[in-house]
Amino acid sequence: MPMFRKKPVVVEAVKWNGYSNNIGLTNGKEGEGARYEMPEWMPPVSRVLGEAEEVFLSIIVPVGGVWRQGECLWIGTLEGSHRADPGDWIIRGLKGELYPCKPDIFDATYEVAE
């Protein structure tokens, strides 16, 4: 059976820290080197949800939309709505699409680009 290797790509990403005002996005560094920033490619939260609305998120959140529910973000992707919990990375893909990524998967998949 043939084997395949994923092509190396460079992506932009920020870590979500759960702040309700969207300033919780960081460059991923800890301590003194941490900078909180809102990259221009990250859309603002366009809707704040109550706890009871979670059931219908896969239908409701539009592609590219970012909604907040408590300390979590819901991001509309081509595959449906995905939840970003505090500590998760928000990645901007090759075509400008946004999607969340758990920290352990991010650390295993990505490294700082030079």
C-alpha atoms as a PDB file:
ATOM      1  CA  MET A   1       0.000   0.000   0.000  1.00  0.00           C
ATOM      2  CA  PRO A   2       1.428   3.452  -0.889  1.00  0.00           C
ATOM      3  CA  MET A   3       2.464   5.821   1.899  1.00  0.00           C
ATOM      4  CA  PHE A   4       1.924   9.589   1.874  1.00  0.00           C
ATOM      5  CA  ARG A   5       3.503  12.464   3.783  1.00  0.00           C
ATOM      6  CA  LYS A   6       1.631  15.672   4.538  1.00  0.00           C
ATOM      7  CA  LYS A   7       3.127  18.657   2.701  1.00  0.00           C
ATOM      8  CA  PRO A   8       4.656  21.256   4.996  1.00  0.00           C
ATOM      9  CA  VAL A   9       2.513  24.368   5.215  1.00  0.00           C
ATOM     10  CA  VAL A  10       2.792  27.546   7.238  1.00  0.00           C
ATOM     11  CA  VAL A  11      -0.366  28.702   9.019  1.00  0.00           C
ATOM     12  CA  GLU A  12      -1.232  31.604  11.268  1.00  0.00           C
ATOM     13  CA  ALA A  13      -2.582  30.705  14.707  1.00  0.00           C
ATOM     14  CA  VAL A  14      -3.443  32.252  18.040  1.00  0.00           C
ATOM     15  CA  LYS A  15      -4.336  30.636  21.345  1.00  0.00           C
ATOM     16  CA  TRP A  16      -7.782  31.285  22.817  1.00  0.00           C
ATOM     17  CA  ASN A  17      -7.630  32.010  26.545  1.00  0.00           C
ATOM     18  CA  GLY A  18     -11.338  32.285  27.254  1.00  0.00           C
ATOM     19  CA  TYR A  19     -11.673  35.997  27.805  1.00  0.00           C
ATOM     20  CA  SER A  20     -15.148  37.193  26.970  1.00  0.00           C
ATOM     21  CA  ASN A  21     -14.009  40.385  25.237  1.00  0.00           C
ATOM     22  CA  ASN A  22     -12.017  38.593  22.493  1.00  0.00           C
ATOM     23  CA  ILE A  23      -8.713  39.996  23.782  1.00  0.00           C
ATOM     24  CA  GLY A  24      -7.857  36.532  25.078  1.00  0.00           C
ATOM     25  CA  LEU A  25      -6.030  35.606  21.901  1.00  0.00           C
ATOM     26  CA  THR A  26      -2.309  35.249  22.474  1.00  0.00           C
ATOM     27  CA  ASN A  27       0.804  34.490  20.472  1.00  0.00           C
ATOM     28  CA  GLY A  28       1.164  31.255  22.435  1.00  0.00           C
ATOM     29  CA  LYS A  29       4.072  32.273  24.625  1.00  0.00           C
ATOM     30  CA  GLU A  30       3.787  32.055  28.392  1.00  0.00           C
ATOM     31  CA  GLY A  31       4.840  34.582  31.044  1.00  0.00           C
ATOM     32  CA  GLU A  32       6.724  37.735  30.060  1.00  0.00           C
ATOM     33  CA  GLY A  33       6.841  36.852  26.358  1.00  0.00           C
ATOM     34  CA  ALA A  34       3.048  36.542  26.069  1.00  0.00           C
ATOM     35  CA  ARG A  35       1.317  39.216  24.016  1.00  0.00           C
ATOM     36  CA  TYR A  36      -2.425  39.479  23.762  1.00  0.00           C
ATOM     37  CA  GLU A  37      -3.451  40.533  20.322  1.00  0.00           C
ATOM     38  CA  MET A  38      -6.315  40.388  17.899  1.00  0.00           C
ATOM     39  CA  PRO A  39      -4.986  39.435  14.468  1.00  0.00           C
ATOM     40  CA  GLU A  40      -6.698  41.218  11.605  1.00  0.00           C
ATOM     41  CA  TRP A  41      -7.821  37.893  10.123  1.00  0.00           C
ATOM     42  CA  MET A  42      -9.804  36.928  13.243  1.00  0.00           C
ATOM     43  CA  PRO A  43     -13.403  38.126  12.974  1.00  0.00           C
ATOM     44  CA  PRO A  44     -15.007  39.581  16.091  1.00  0.00           C
ATOM     45  CA  VAL A  45     -17.574  37.602  18.040  1.00  0.00           C
ATOM     46  CA  SER A  46     -20.829  38.310  16.243  1.00  0.00           C
ATOM     47  CA  ARG A  47     -23.183  36.657  18.728  1.00  0.00           C
ATOM     48  CA  VAL A  48     -23.170  35.694  22.403  1.00  0.00           C
ATOM     49  CA  LEU A  49     -25.125  32.545  23.177  1.00  0.00           C
ATOM     50  CA  GLY A  50     -26.957  31.350  26.252  1.00  0.00           C
ATOM     51  CA  GLU A  51     -26.259  27.857  27.584  1.00  0.00           C
ATOM     52  CA  ALA A  52     -29.503  26.370  26.201  1.00  0.00           C
ATOM     53  CA  GLU A  53     -28.654  27.221  22.576  1.00  0.00           C
ATOM     54  CA  GLU A  54     -25.771  24.711  22.291  1.00  0.00           C
ATOM     55  CA  VAL A  55     -27.913  21.912  20.839  1.00  0.00           C
ATOM     56  CA  PHE A  56     -28.458  23.691  17.514  1.00  0.00           C
ATOM     57  CA  LEU A  57     -24.974  25.097  16.871  1.00  0.00           C
ATOM     58  CA  SER A  58     -24.057  22.715  14.064  1.00  0.00           C
ATOM     59  CA  ILE A  59     -26.940  24.136  12.052  1.00  0.00           C
ATOM     60  CA  ILE A  60     -26.783  27.799  13.082  1.00  0.00           C
ATOM     61  CA  VAL A  61     -23.174  29.102  13.088  1.00  0.00           C
ATOM     62  CA  PRO A  62     -22.389  30.328   9.556  1.00  0.00           C
ATOM     63  CA  VAL A  63     -19.091  29.424   7.902  1.00  0.00           C
ATOM     64  CA  GLY A  64     -16.484  31.904   9.115  1.00  0.00           C
ATOM     65  CA  GLY A  65     -18.716  33.026  11.977  1.00  0.00           C
ATOM     66  CA  VAL A  66     -17.421  33.252  15.539  1.00  0.00           C
ATOM     67  CA  TRP A  67     -19.878  33.039  18.419  1.00  0.00           C
ATOM     68  CA  ARG A  68     -19.125  32.986  22.128  1.00  0.00           C
ATOM     69  CA  GLN A  69     -20.768  30.873  24.790  1.00  0.00           C
ATOM     70  CA  GLY A  70     -19.322  31.512  28.232  1.00  0.00           C
ATOM     71  CA  GLU A  71     -15.540  31.104  27.916  1.00  0.00           C
ATOM     72  CA  CYS A  72     -15.836  29.016  24.742  1.00  0.00           C
ATOM     73  CA  LEU A  73     -15.925  30.058  21.100  1.00  0.00           C
ATOM     74  CA  TRP A  74     -17.961  28.362  18.400  1.00  0.00           C
ATOM     75  CA  ILE A  75     -16.442  28.670  14.925  1.00  0.00           C
ATOM     76  CA  GLY A  76     -18.374  27.949  11.758  1.00  0.00           C
ATOM     77  CA  THR A  77     -16.298  25.742   9.445  1.00  0.00           C
ATOM     78  CA  LEU A  78     -17.052  23.904   6.203  1.00  0.00           C
ATOM     79  CA  GLU A  79     -17.498  20.770   8.331  1.00  0.00           C
ATOM     80  CA  GLY A  80     -19.967  22.423  10.735  1.00  0.00           C
ATOM     81  CA  SER A  81     -19.557  24.270  14.014  1.00  0.00           C
ATOM     82  CA  HIS A  82     -16.513  23.502  16.133  1.00  0.00           C
ATOM     83  CA  ARG A  83     -15.943  24.482  19.748  1.00  0.00           C
ATOM     84  CA  ALA A  84     -12.770  26.199  20.954  1.00  0.00           C
ATOM     85  CA  ASP A  85     -12.188  25.858  24.680  1.00  0.00           C
ATOM     86  CA  PRO A  86      -9.719  28.014  26.640  1.00  0.00           C
ATOM     87  CA  GLY A  87      -6.198  26.874  25.707  1.00  0.00           C
ATOM     88  CA  ASP A  88      -7.179  25.742  22.204  1.00  0.00           C
ATOM     89  CA  TRP A  89      -5.531  27.254  19.144  1.00  0.00           C
ATOM     90  CA  ILE A  90      -7.484  29.087  16.436  1.00  0.00           C
ATOM     91  CA  ILE A  91      -5.809  28.358  13.103  1.00  0.00           C
ATOM     92  CA  ARG A  92      -6.202  30.253   9.858  1.00  0.00           C
ATOM     93  CA  GLY A  93      -5.878  27.752   7.028  1.00  0.00           C
ATOM     94  CA  LEU A  94      -4.407  28.149   3.564  1.00  0.00           C
ATOM     95  CA  LYS A  95      -7.643  29.524   2.097  1.00  0.00           C
ATOM     96  CA  GLY A  96      -8.424  31.826   5.022  1.00  0.00           C
ATOM     97  CA  GLU A  97     -10.709  29.353   6.766  1.00  0.00           C
ATOM     98  CA  LEU A  98     -10.716  29.229  10.566  1.00  0.00           C
ATOM     99  CA  TYR A  99     -10.769  26.156  12.741  1.00  0.00           C
ATOM    100  CA  PRO A 100      -9.918  25.301  16.348  1.00  0.00           C
ATOM    101  CA  CYS A 101      -7.210  22.826  17.311  1.00  0.00           C
ATOM    102  CA  LYS A 102      -6.573  21.170  20.689  1.00  0.00           C
ATOM    103  CA  PRO A 103      -3.178  22.060  22.230  1.00  0.00           C
ATOM    104  CA  ASP A 104      -1.776  18.514  22.139  1.00  0.00           C
ATOM    105  CA  ILE A 105      -2.627  18.098  18.442  1.00  0.00           C
ATOM    106  CA  PHE A 106      -1.238  21.560  17.678  1.00  0.00           C
ATOM    107  CA  ASP A 107       2.041  20.798  19.486  1.00  0.00           C
ATOM    108  CA  ALA A 108       2.395  17.464  17.648  1.00  0.00           C
ATOM    109  CA  THR A 109       1.622  18.997  14.245  1.00  0.00           C
ATOM    110  CA  TYR A 110       3.092  22.513  14.205  1.00  0.00           C
ATOM    111  CA  GLU A 111       6.345  24.219  15.118  1.00  0.00           C
ATOM    112  CA  VAL A 112       7.385  27.864  14.964  1.00  0.00           C
ATOM    113  CA  ALA A 113       8.175  28.881  11.377  1.00  0.00           C
ATOM    114  CA  GLU A 114      11.476  30.612  10.812  1.00  0.00           C
END
